[in-house]
Amino acid sequence: MARNEEKAQSMLNRFITMKAEEKKKPKERRPYLASECRDLAEADKWRQQIMREIGRKVTEVQNEGLGEHRLRDLNDEINKLIREKSHWERRIVELGGPNYTKHSAKMTDLEGNIVDVPNPGGRGPGYRYFGAVKKLPGVKELFEKPPELRKRRTRYDIYKRIDASYYGYRDDEDGILEKLEGPAERKMRASAVADWKDMENIKKEARRAVKSGEVAEVGTVSKILFEEEEDVVEEERKIEREREEKERENEFIAHVPLPDEEEIKRKVLEKKKKEMLDKYTSSELLEELIEAKSLLNIKQ
C-alpha cells in the first residue's frame, strides 16, 4: 500500500514540475557580444550572471584534490569570464551606467599581498591565478619574491652617519660620564693632596733638623734627596732636549763639497793675477812669458 502511495506522489511531483516549467518563459541566452545589448538593465543583469558563474568556479578551484589539469581548466574558464565581465562593464559605462572597474578586486599572492598582473594587450586585466592553482608547479614561482640583493655600503654612506657623538665630543652632555668620573676624581684629588701634605711635613722636619743640628731619619732624608735629585735630573734632561732642538734647527747640511778658506784665497789670488795680466800684457807677450818660464823650468 505504501509503495503505491509513493509512486503516486512521485508522479504528482513530476506533473507539477512539468506544468511549472511550461508556465515559465523560454530561457534567455546571454548575447555573445556585449555591444549587441541596448538596455542598461539587461547589461547589468548579464554582468550579475557572469559574477555568479565566477563565484561558483572560484569556489570549486579551491579544492586541491581536483588534479592539475582540472584546476588549470577551471582557471582558464575563470579568466575567460573575467574578460567577458570587463566587456559588459565597459558596455554599461557606454550606456550611462556606473563604472564597476574602479572597485574591482585585486589578485593576491599566497601571503595575501596584492600582485599586479598587467595585460600584454593593454586592455583589461591580465591573466590571473586563483585558489589551488597558485600552488601548482610553474605558477608558485611567479609569486615568489626574488631575493633582495644587499647593496654594499660605500665609504660615503659610512661616513655620512658619523657625527660629533661618534668621536665622543658629546659624552659630557648625557651626565653618565660625569657620574662615573666624579668619585674617581675626588679620590685622586684627595690622594694627591695627602701626598703633598706628607711631603711638606717631611721637608719641614728636615729643615728643622738641619737648623738644630740633629740627625734626621735616614728614610726621611733619603726620600727628600731622591725627590730633589729627580727634579735636577729632569731639569737637566729638559735643557739637553732644548739644546739639541736648537742645534738641529741651526745645523746646515751641505749636499755638495764646499771649499775651505785657504782654497778660496788661492782662487781669488789667481783670478786677480789673471785680470792684471790681461790688462797690461798682450796675448803674444803672455805666450812668450809662458814659453820662457817653461824653458827656465819656472813653475810660478
C-alpha atoms as a PDB file:
ATOM      1  CA  MET A   1       0.000   0.000   0.000  1.00  0.00           C
ATOM      2  CA  ALA A   2       2.799   2.428   0.938  1.00  0.00           C
ATOM      3  CA  ARG A   3       4.583   1.552  -2.287  1.00  0.00           C
ATOM      4  CA  ASN A   4       1.624   2.620  -4.432  1.00  0.00           C
ATOM      5  CA  GLU A   5       1.296   5.895  -2.488  1.00  0.00           C
ATOM      6  CA  GLU A   6       4.988   6.687  -3.088  1.00  0.00           C
ATOM      7  CA  LYS A   7       4.608   6.044  -6.807  1.00  0.00           C
ATOM      8  CA  ALA A   8       1.560   8.287  -6.970  1.00  0.00           C
ATOM      9  CA  GLN A   9       3.375  11.030  -5.029  1.00  0.00           C
ATOM     10  CA  SER A  10       6.378  10.905  -7.353  1.00  0.00           C
ATOM     11  CA  MET A  11       4.139  11.065 -10.417  1.00  0.00           C
ATOM     12  CA  LEU A  12       2.364  14.081  -8.900  1.00  0.00           C
ATOM     13  CA  ASN A  13       5.662  15.827  -8.282  1.00  0.00           C
ATOM     14  CA  ARG A  14       6.802  15.248 -11.838  1.00  0.00           C
ATOM     15  CA  PHE A  15       3.480  16.564 -13.174  1.00  0.00           C
ATOM     16  CA  ILE A  16       3.684  19.723 -11.020  1.00  0.00           C
ATOM     17  CA  THR A  17       7.290  20.350 -12.116  1.00  0.00           C
ATOM     18  CA  MET A  18       6.351  19.918 -15.778  1.00  0.00           C
ATOM     19  CA  LYS A  19       3.440  22.392 -15.511  1.00  0.00           C
ATOM     20  CA  ALA A  20       5.682  24.947 -13.733  1.00  0.00           C
ATOM     21  CA  GLU A  21       8.259  24.709 -16.495  1.00  0.00           C
ATOM     22  CA  GLU A  22       5.552  25.181 -19.131  1.00  0.00           C
ATOM     23  CA  LYS A  23       4.444  28.384 -17.440  1.00  0.00           C
ATOM     24  CA  LYS A  24       7.995  29.743 -17.404  1.00  0.00           C
ATOM     25  CA  LYS A  25       9.292  31.895 -20.202  1.00  0.00           C
ATOM     26  CA  PRO A  26      11.824  30.358 -22.538  1.00  0.00           C
ATOM     27  CA  LYS A  27      15.342  30.608 -21.099  1.00  0.00           C
ATOM     28  CA  GLU A  28      17.198  33.577 -22.474  1.00  0.00           C
ATOM     29  CA  ARG A  29      20.727  33.155 -23.705  1.00  0.00           C
ATOM     30  CA  ARG A  30      23.403  35.749 -22.918  1.00  0.00           C
ATOM     31  CA  PRO A  31      24.453  37.665 -26.043  1.00  0.00           C
ATOM     32  CA  TYR A  32      27.850  36.705 -27.396  1.00  0.00           C
ATOM     33  CA  LEU A  33      28.859  40.334 -27.895  1.00  0.00           C
ATOM     34  CA  ALA A  34      28.194  42.949 -25.236  1.00  0.00           C
ATOM     35  CA  SER A  35      27.759  45.575 -27.951  1.00  0.00           C
ATOM     36  CA  GLU A  36      24.530  43.832 -29.083  1.00  0.00           C
ATOM     37  CA  CYS A  37      22.797  44.794 -25.815  1.00  0.00           C
ATOM     38  CA  ARG A  38      20.944  48.130 -25.956  1.00  0.00           C
ATOM     39  CA  ASP A  39      19.339  48.129 -22.488  1.00  0.00           C
ATOM     40  CA  LEU A  40      21.239  49.156 -19.342  1.00  0.00           C
ATOM     41  CA  ALA A  41      19.187  46.857 -17.082  1.00  0.00           C
ATOM     42  CA  GLU A  42      19.812  43.891 -19.379  1.00  0.00           C
ATOM     43  CA  ALA A  43      23.553  44.616 -19.419  1.00  0.00           C
ATOM     44  CA  ASP A  44      23.622  44.813 -15.620  1.00  0.00           C
ATOM     45  CA  LYS A  45      21.684  41.512 -15.418  1.00  0.00           C
ATOM     46  CA  TRP A  46      24.181  39.720 -17.662  1.00  0.00           C
ATOM     47  CA  ARG A  47      27.067  41.130 -15.635  1.00  0.00           C
ATOM     48  CA  GLN A  48      25.484  39.778 -12.444  1.00  0.00           C
ATOM     49  CA  GLN A  49      25.068  36.374 -14.096  1.00  0.00           C
ATOM     50  CA  ILE A  50      28.757  36.317 -15.026  1.00  0.00           C
ATOM     51  CA  MET A  51      29.672  37.306 -11.452  1.00  0.00           C
ATOM     52  CA  ARG A  52      27.691  34.323 -10.092  1.00  0.00           C
ATOM     53  CA  GLU A  53      29.413  31.943 -12.502  1.00  0.00           C
ATOM     54  CA  ILE A  54      32.814  33.314 -11.489  1.00  0.00           C
ATOM     55  CA  GLY A  55      31.925  32.860  -7.827  1.00  0.00           C
ATOM     56  CA  ARG A  56      30.938  29.203  -8.344  1.00  0.00           C
ATOM     57  CA  LYS A  57      34.073  28.388 -10.279  1.00  0.00           C
ATOM     58  CA  VAL A  58      36.360  30.222  -7.790  1.00  0.00           C
ATOM     59  CA  THR A  59      34.798  28.171  -5.003  1.00  0.00           C
ATOM     60  CA  GLU A  60      35.375  24.984  -6.994  1.00  0.00           C
ATOM     61  CA  VAL A  61      39.002  25.839  -7.811  1.00  0.00           C
ATOM     62  CA  GLN A  62      39.897  25.986  -4.100  1.00  0.00           C
ATOM     63  CA  ASN A  63      39.776  22.161  -3.974  1.00  0.00           C
ATOM     64  CA  GLU A  64      43.368  20.874  -4.359  1.00  0.00           C
ATOM     65  CA  GLY A  65      42.167  17.302  -4.979  1.00  0.00           C
ATOM     66  CA  LEU A  66      40.721  18.017  -8.419  1.00  0.00           C
ATOM     67  CA  GLY A  67      44.029  17.436 -10.151  1.00  0.00           C
ATOM     68  CA  GLU A  68      46.368  19.716 -12.027  1.00  0.00           C
ATOM     69  CA  HIS A  69      44.569  19.526 -15.410  1.00  0.00           C
ATOM     70  CA  ARG A  70      41.112  20.227 -14.000  1.00  0.00           C
ATOM     71  CA  LEU A  71      42.461  23.125 -11.895  1.00  0.00           C
ATOM     72  CA  ARG A  72      44.156  24.680 -14.926  1.00  0.00           C
ATOM     73  CA  ASP A  73      40.944  24.314 -16.981  1.00  0.00           C
ATOM     74  CA  LEU A  74      38.912  25.980 -14.242  1.00  0.00           C
ATOM     75  CA  ASN A  75      41.448  28.817 -14.007  1.00  0.00           C
ATOM     76  CA  ASP A  76      41.226  29.329 -17.778  1.00  0.00           C
ATOM     77  CA  GLU A  77      37.411  29.439 -17.595  1.00  0.00           C
ATOM     78  CA  ILE A  78      37.526  31.976 -14.758  1.00  0.00           C
ATOM     79  CA  ASN A  79      39.889  34.226 -16.718  1.00  0.00           C
ATOM     80  CA  LYS A  80      37.605  33.964 -19.744  1.00  0.00           C
ATOM     81  CA  LEU A  81      34.607  35.004 -17.637  1.00  0.00           C
ATOM     82  CA  ILE A  82      36.612  37.902 -16.146  1.00  0.00           C
ATOM     83  CA  ARG A  83      37.432  39.168 -19.637  1.00  0.00           C
ATOM     84  CA  GLU A  84      33.765  38.874 -20.592  1.00  0.00           C
ATOM     85  CA  LYS A  85      32.777  40.735 -17.420  1.00  0.00           C
ATOM     86  CA  SER A  86      35.143  43.577 -18.326  1.00  0.00           C
ATOM     87  CA  HIS A  87      33.408  43.817 -21.746  1.00  0.00           C
ATOM     88  CA  TRP A  88      29.988  44.103 -20.092  1.00  0.00           C
ATOM     89  CA  GLU A  89      31.318  46.708 -17.624  1.00  0.00           C
ATOM     90  CA  ARG A  90      32.589  48.850 -20.470  1.00  0.00           C
ATOM     91  CA  ARG A  91      29.235  48.429 -22.191  1.00  0.00           C
ATOM     92  CA  ILE A  92      27.424  49.540 -19.025  1.00  0.00           C
ATOM     93  CA  VAL A  93      29.585  52.694 -18.913  1.00  0.00           C
ATOM     94  CA  GLU A  94      28.756  53.357 -22.576  1.00  0.00           C
ATOM     95  CA  LEU A  95      25.029  53.030 -21.783  1.00  0.00           C
ATOM     96  CA  GLY A  96      25.382  55.578 -18.943  1.00  0.00           C
ATOM     97  CA  GLY A  97      25.654  53.178 -16.022  1.00  0.00           C
ATOM     98  CA  PRO A  98      28.138  53.103 -13.109  1.00  0.00           C
ATOM     99  CA  ASN A  99      31.823  52.301 -13.592  1.00  0.00           C
ATOM    100  CA  TYR A 100      32.444  48.978 -11.807  1.00  0.00           C
ATOM    101  CA  THR A 101      36.101  48.731 -12.836  1.00  0.00           C
ATOM    102  CA  LYS A 102      37.180  51.256 -10.195  1.00  0.00           C
ATOM    103  CA  HIS A 103      36.169  48.913  -7.375  1.00  0.00           C
ATOM    104  CA  SER A 104      37.303  45.634  -8.918  1.00  0.00           C
ATOM    105  CA  ALA A 105      39.069  43.103  -6.687  1.00  0.00           C
ATOM    106  CA  LYS A 106      42.853  42.773  -6.837  1.00  0.00           C
ATOM    107  CA  MET A 107      44.741  39.495  -7.148  1.00  0.00           C
ATOM    108  CA  THR A 108      46.863  38.490  -4.131  1.00  0.00           C
ATOM    109  CA  ASP A 109      49.700  36.038  -3.638  1.00  0.00           C
ATOM    110  CA  LEU A 110      49.918  33.192  -1.115  1.00  0.00           C
ATOM    111  CA  GLU A 111      50.692  35.648   1.682  1.00  0.00           C
ATOM    112  CA  GLY A 112      47.769  37.968   0.879  1.00  0.00           C
ATOM    113  CA  ASN A 113      49.840  40.699  -0.785  1.00  0.00           C
ATOM    114  CA  ILE A 114      48.345  42.403  -3.857  1.00  0.00           C
ATOM    115  CA  VAL A 115      50.029  41.341  -7.095  1.00  0.00           C
ATOM    116  CA  ASP A 116      49.756  43.499 -10.178  1.00  0.00           C
ATOM    117  CA  VAL A 117      49.451  41.372 -13.324  1.00  0.00           C
ATOM    118  CA  PRO A 118      49.403  43.631 -16.391  1.00  0.00           C
ATOM    119  CA  ASN A 119      47.834  42.576 -19.630  1.00  0.00           C
ATOM    120  CA  PRO A 120      50.277  42.481 -22.564  1.00  0.00           C
ATOM    121  CA  GLY A 121      47.461  43.595 -24.839  1.00  0.00           C
ATOM    122  CA  GLY A 122      46.989  46.776 -22.862  1.00  0.00           C
ATOM    123  CA  ARG A 123      43.207  46.347 -22.320  1.00  0.00           C
ATOM    124  CA  GLY A 124      41.574  44.834 -19.276  1.00  0.00           C
ATOM    125  CA  PRO A 125      43.173  42.745 -16.546  1.00  0.00           C
ATOM    126  CA  GLY A 126      45.936  40.262 -17.268  1.00  0.00           C
ATOM    127  CA  TYR A 127      45.895  36.528 -16.658  1.00  0.00           C
ATOM    128  CA  ARG A 128      45.157  35.691 -13.024  1.00  0.00           C
ATOM    129  CA  TYR A 129      45.542  32.644 -10.820  1.00  0.00           C
ATOM    130  CA  PHE A 130      43.024  31.544  -8.198  1.00  0.00           C
ATOM    131  CA  GLY A 131      42.833  29.106  -5.315  1.00  0.00           C
ATOM    132  CA  ALA A 132      44.892  25.932  -5.535  1.00  0.00           C
ATOM    133  CA  VAL A 133      46.277  26.970  -8.936  1.00  0.00           C
ATOM    134  CA  LYS A 134      48.708  29.288  -7.131  1.00  0.00           C
ATOM    135  CA  LYS A 135      50.426  26.243  -5.624  1.00  0.00           C
ATOM    136  CA  LEU A 136      50.911  24.358  -8.897  1.00  0.00           C
ATOM    137  CA  PRO A 137      54.447  23.885 -10.262  1.00  0.00           C
ATOM    138  CA  GLY A 138      55.395  26.683 -12.608  1.00  0.00           C
ATOM    139  CA  VAL A 139      52.859  29.021 -11.016  1.00  0.00           C
ATOM    140  CA  LYS A 140      54.178  29.079  -7.474  1.00  0.00           C
ATOM    141  CA  GLU A 141      57.481  30.510  -8.699  1.00  0.00           C
ATOM    142  CA  LEU A 142      55.653  33.519 -10.162  1.00  0.00           C
ATOM    143  CA  PHE A 143      54.519  34.599  -6.709  1.00  0.00           C
ATOM    144  CA  GLU A 144      57.883  34.107  -5.004  1.00  0.00           C
ATOM    145  CA  LYS A 145      59.738  37.329  -4.421  1.00  0.00           C
ATOM    146  CA  PRO A 146      63.284  37.412  -5.776  1.00  0.00           C
ATOM    147  CA  PRO A 147      65.964  37.552  -3.080  1.00  0.00           C
ATOM    148  CA  GLU A 148      66.931  41.073  -2.213  1.00  0.00           C
ATOM    149  CA  LEU A 149      70.492  41.867  -3.158  1.00  0.00           C
ATOM    150  CA  ARG A 150      72.185  43.601  -0.279  1.00  0.00           C
ATOM    151  CA  LYS A 151      73.734  46.757  -1.585  1.00  0.00           C
ATOM    152  CA  ARG A 152      77.297  47.254  -0.477  1.00  0.00           C
ATOM    153  CA  ARG A 153      77.783  50.408   1.528  1.00  0.00           C
ATOM    154  CA  THR A 154      80.183  52.911   0.085  1.00  0.00           C
ATOM    155  CA  ARG A 155      82.682  54.940   2.059  1.00  0.00           C
ATOM    156  CA  TYR A 156      80.413  57.973   1.654  1.00  0.00           C
ATOM    157  CA  ASP A 157      77.466  56.108   3.235  1.00  0.00           C
ATOM    158  CA  ILE A 158      79.640  55.008   6.146  1.00  0.00           C
ATOM    159  CA  TYR A 159      80.976  58.478   6.928  1.00  0.00           C
ATOM    160  CA  LYS A 160      77.589  60.113   6.345  1.00  0.00           C
ATOM    161  CA  ARG A 161      76.287  58.799   9.681  1.00  0.00           C
ATOM    162  CA  ILE A 162      79.355  59.815  11.680  1.00  0.00           C
ATOM    163  CA  ASP A 163      78.949  62.976  13.751  1.00  0.00           C
ATOM    164  CA  ALA A 164      80.460  64.522  16.875  1.00  0.00           C
ATOM    165  CA  SER A 165      78.904  61.850  19.091  1.00  0.00           C
ATOM    166  CA  TYR A 166      80.919  59.140  17.328  1.00  0.00           C
ATOM    167  CA  TYR A 167      84.174  60.790  18.438  1.00  0.00           C
ATOM    168  CA  GLY A 168      82.963  61.286  21.996  1.00  0.00           C
ATOM    169  CA  TYR A 169      82.541  65.067  21.936  1.00  0.00           C
ATOM    170  CA  ARG A 170      79.076  64.842  23.470  1.00  0.00           C
ATOM    171  CA  ASP A 171      79.813  62.371  26.236  1.00  0.00           C
ATOM    172  CA  ASP A 172      79.605  65.113  28.849  1.00  0.00           C
ATOM    173  CA  GLU A 173      76.101  66.143  27.820  1.00  0.00           C
ATOM    174  CA  ASP A 174      74.271  62.988  28.893  1.00  0.00           C
ATOM    175  CA  GLY A 175      75.556  63.149  32.512  1.00  0.00           C
ATOM    176  CA  ILE A 176      76.605  59.477  32.611  1.00  0.00           C
ATOM    177  CA  LEU A 177      80.311  60.192  32.298  1.00  0.00           C
ATOM    178  CA  GLU A 178      80.109  62.858  34.990  1.00  0.00           C
ATOM    179  CA  LYS A 179      78.580  60.395  37.450  1.00  0.00           C
ATOM    180  CA  LEU A 180      81.294  57.832  36.745  1.00  0.00           C
ATOM    181  CA  GLU A 181      84.226  60.258  36.814  1.00  0.00           C
ATOM    182  CA  GLY A 182      83.076  62.240  39.853  1.00  0.00           C
ATOM    183  CA  PRO A 183      84.015  59.684  42.569  1.00  0.00           C
ATOM    184  CA  ALA A 184      87.274  58.792  40.816  1.00  0.00           C
ATOM    185  CA  GLU A 185      88.228  62.467  40.509  1.00  0.00           C
ATOM    186  CA  ARG A 186      87.545  63.121  44.181  1.00  0.00           C
ATOM    187  CA  LYS A 187      89.575  60.053  45.170  1.00  0.00           C
ATOM    188  CA  MET A 188      92.567  61.069  43.015  1.00  0.00           C
ATOM    189  CA  ARG A 189      92.410  64.644  44.294  1.00  0.00           C
ATOM    190  CA  ALA A 190      92.335  63.502  47.925  1.00  0.00           C
ATOM    191  CA  SER A 191      95.303  61.193  47.276  1.00  0.00           C
ATOM    192  CA  ALA A 192      97.300  63.996  45.633  1.00  0.00           C
ATOM    193  CA  VAL A 193      96.545  66.408  48.493  1.00  0.00           C
ATOM    194  CA  ALA A 194      97.581  63.781  51.060  1.00  0.00           C
ATOM    195  CA  ASP A 195     100.893  63.144  49.239  1.00  0.00           C
ATOM    196  CA  TRP A 196     101.581  66.867  49.066  1.00  0.00           C
ATOM    197  CA  LYS A 197     100.900  67.314  52.773  1.00  0.00           C
ATOM    198  CA  ASP A 198     103.162  64.376  53.625  1.00  0.00           C
ATOM    199  CA  MET A 199     105.960  65.864  51.510  1.00  0.00           C
ATOM    200  CA  GLU A 200     105.562  69.281  53.111  1.00  0.00           C
ATOM    201  CA  ASN A 201     105.723  67.760  56.584  1.00  0.00           C
ATOM    202  CA  ILE A 202     108.867  65.805  55.645  1.00  0.00           C
ATOM    203  CA  LYS A 203     110.538  68.946  54.291  1.00  0.00           C
ATOM    204  CA  LYS A 204     109.680  70.906  57.445  1.00  0.00           C
ATOM    205  CA  GLU A 205     111.143  68.201  59.632  1.00  0.00           C
ATOM    206  CA  ALA A 206     114.289  68.057  57.506  1.00  0.00           C
ATOM    207  CA  ARG A 207     114.786  71.849  57.720  1.00  0.00           C
ATOM    208  CA  ARG A 208     114.213  71.798  61.452  1.00  0.00           C
ATOM    209  CA  ALA A 209     116.718  69.005  61.874  1.00  0.00           C
ATOM    210  CA  VAL A 210     119.354  70.844  59.790  1.00  0.00           C
ATOM    211  CA  LYS A 211     118.914  74.071  61.774  1.00  0.00           C
ATOM    212  CA  SER A 212     119.059  72.341  65.152  1.00  0.00           C
ATOM    213  CA  GLY A 213     121.986  70.142  64.108  1.00  0.00           C
ATOM    214  CA  GLU A 214     120.146  66.961  64.798  1.00  0.00           C
ATOM    215  CA  VAL A 215     120.387  63.919  62.567  1.00  0.00           C
ATOM    216  CA  ALA A 216     117.216  63.328  60.596  1.00  0.00           C
ATOM    217  CA  GLU A 217     115.823  59.926  59.973  1.00  0.00           C
ATOM    218  CA  VAL A 218     117.508  58.011  57.180  1.00  0.00           C
ATOM    219  CA  GLY A 219     114.255  57.220  55.376  1.00  0.00           C
ATOM    220  CA  THR A 220     113.067  60.802  55.516  1.00  0.00           C
ATOM    221  CA  VAL A 221     116.350  62.281  54.261  1.00  0.00           C
ATOM    222  CA  SER A 222     116.706  59.710  51.511  1.00  0.00           C
ATOM    223  CA  LYS A 223     113.177  60.448  50.376  1.00  0.00           C
ATOM    224  CA  ILE A 224     113.897  64.183  50.221  1.00  0.00           C
ATOM    225  CA  LEU A 225     117.215  63.662  48.434  1.00  0.00           C
ATOM    226  CA  PHE A 226     115.588  61.335  45.964  1.00  0.00           C
ATOM    227  CA  GLU A 227     112.892  63.907  45.249  1.00  0.00           C
ATOM    228  CA  GLU A 228     115.463  66.714  44.794  1.00  0.00           C
ATOM    229  CA  GLU A 229     117.745  64.527  42.666  1.00  0.00           C
ATOM    230  CA  GLU A 230     114.883  63.519  40.446  1.00  0.00           C
ATOM    231  CA  ASP A 231     113.949  67.174  39.926  1.00  0.00           C
ATOM    232  CA  VAL A 232     117.533  68.058  38.996  1.00  0.00           C
ATOM    233  CA  VAL A 233     117.800  65.184  36.541  1.00  0.00           C
ATOM    234  CA  GLU A 234     114.528  66.133  34.943  1.00  0.00           C
ATOM    235  CA  GLU A 235     115.683  69.755  34.619  1.00  0.00           C
ATOM    236  CA  GLU A 236     118.974  68.665  33.009  1.00  0.00           C
ATOM    237  CA  ARG A 237     117.127  66.434  30.549  1.00  0.00           C
ATOM    238  CA  LYS A 238     114.853  69.315  29.622  1.00  0.00           C
ATOM    239  CA  ILE A 239     117.821  71.641  28.996  1.00  0.00           C
ATOM    240  CA  GLU A 240     119.566  68.956  26.930  1.00  0.00           C
ATOM    241  CA  ARG A 241     116.477  68.433  24.782  1.00  0.00           C
ATOM    242  CA  GLU A 242     116.128  72.175  24.146  1.00  0.00           C
ATOM    243  CA  ARG A 243     119.825  72.428  23.182  1.00  0.00           C
ATOM    244  CA  GLU A 244     119.540  69.502  20.763  1.00  0.00           C
ATOM    245  CA  GLU A 245     116.462  71.038  19.156  1.00  0.00           C
ATOM    246  CA  LYS A 246     118.287  74.367  18.655  1.00  0.00           C
ATOM    247  CA  GLU A 247     121.312  72.606  17.153  1.00  0.00           C
ATOM    248  CA  ARG A 248     119.070  70.643  14.852  1.00  0.00           C
ATOM    249  CA  GLU A 249     117.400  73.858  13.684  1.00  0.00           C
ATOM    250  CA  ASN A 250     120.737  75.710  13.138  1.00  0.00           C
ATOM    251  CA  GLU A 251     122.507  72.787  11.537  1.00  0.00           C
ATOM    252  CA  PHE A 252     123.314  73.283   7.843  1.00  0.00           C
ATOM    253  CA  ILE A 253     123.608  70.213   5.673  1.00  0.00           C
ATOM    254  CA  ALA A 254     125.757  70.600   2.553  1.00  0.00           C
ATOM    255  CA  HIS A 255     124.873  68.205  -0.230  1.00  0.00           C
ATOM    256  CA  VAL A 256     127.993  69.181  -2.301  1.00  0.00           C
ATOM    257  CA  PRO A 257     131.675  69.511  -1.152  1.00  0.00           C
ATOM    258  CA  LEU A 258     132.467  73.102  -0.113  1.00  0.00           C
ATOM    259  CA  PRO A 259     135.981  74.694  -0.428  1.00  0.00           C
ATOM    260  CA  ASP A 260     137.836  75.693   2.712  1.00  0.00           C
ATOM    261  CA  GLU A 261     139.203  79.187   3.443  1.00  0.00           C
ATOM    262  CA  GLU A 262     142.734  78.581   2.052  1.00  0.00           C
ATOM    263  CA  GLU A 263     141.396  77.288  -1.250  1.00  0.00           C
ATOM    264  CA  ILE A 264     139.090  80.281  -1.564  1.00  0.00           C
ATOM    265  CA  LYS A 265     142.058  82.678  -1.005  1.00  0.00           C
ATOM    266  CA  ARG A 266     144.139  80.900  -3.632  1.00  0.00           C
ATOM    267  CA  LYS A 267     141.345  81.031  -6.201  1.00  0.00           C
ATOM    268  CA  VAL A 268     140.823  84.759  -5.596  1.00  0.00           C
ATOM    269  CA  LEU A 269     144.534  85.453  -5.961  1.00  0.00           C
ATOM    270  CA  GLU A 270     144.747  83.544  -9.226  1.00  0.00           C
ATOM    271  CA  LYS A 271     141.745  85.408 -10.568  1.00  0.00           C
ATOM    272  CA  LYS A 272     143.332  88.800  -9.705  1.00  0.00           C
ATOM    273  CA  LYS A 273     146.632  87.826 -11.330  1.00  0.00           C
ATOM    274  CA  LYS A 274     144.854  86.805 -14.477  1.00  0.00           C
ATOM    275  CA  GLU A 275     142.944  90.081 -14.591  1.00  0.00           C
ATOM    276  CA  MET A 276     146.215  92.086 -14.191  1.00  0.00           C
ATOM    277  CA  LEU A 277     147.968  90.135 -16.937  1.00  0.00           C
ATOM    278  CA  ASP A 278     145.006  90.561 -19.265  1.00  0.00           C
ATOM    279  CA  LYS A 279     145.026  94.286 -18.569  1.00  0.00           C
ATOM    280  CA  TYR A 280     148.750  95.143 -19.042  1.00  0.00           C
ATOM    281  CA  THR A 281     150.017  92.455 -21.416  1.00  0.00           C
ATOM    282  CA  SER A 282     149.067  91.249 -24.838  1.00  0.00           C
ATOM    283  CA  SER A 283     148.437  87.694 -25.852  1.00  0.00           C
ATOM    284  CA  GLU A 284     151.794  87.451 -27.721  1.00  0.00           C
ATOM    285  CA  LEU A 285     153.746  88.708 -24.750  1.00  0.00           C
ATOM    286  CA  LEU A 286     151.898  86.318 -22.487  1.00  0.00           C
ATOM    287  CA  GLU A 287     152.759  83.395 -24.735  1.00  0.00           C
ATOM    288  CA  GLU A 288     156.460  84.413 -24.781  1.00  0.00           C
ATOM    289  CA  LEU A 289     156.414  84.683 -20.997  1.00  0.00           C
ATOM    290  CA  ILE A 290     154.948  81.240 -20.621  1.00  0.00           C
ATOM    291  CA  GLU A 291     157.482  79.816 -23.077  1.00  0.00           C
ATOM    292  CA  ALA A 292     160.394  81.452 -21.205  1.00  0.00           C
ATOM    293  CA  LYS A 293     159.152  80.067 -17.901  1.00  0.00           C
ATOM    294  CA  SER A 294     158.913  76.596 -19.405  1.00  0.00           C
ATOM    295  CA  LEU A 295     162.483  76.872 -20.702  1.00  0.00           C
ATOM    296  CA  LEU A 296     163.800  78.094 -17.378  1.00  0.00           C
ATOM    297  CA  ASN A 297     161.737  75.494 -15.548  1.00  0.00           C
ATOM    298  CA  ILE A 298     159.897  78.159 -13.546  1.00  0.00           C
ATOM    299  CA  LYS A 299     156.535  76.964 -12.242  1.00  0.00           C
ATOM    300  CA  GLN A 300     155.232  80.250 -10.922  1.00  0.00           C
END
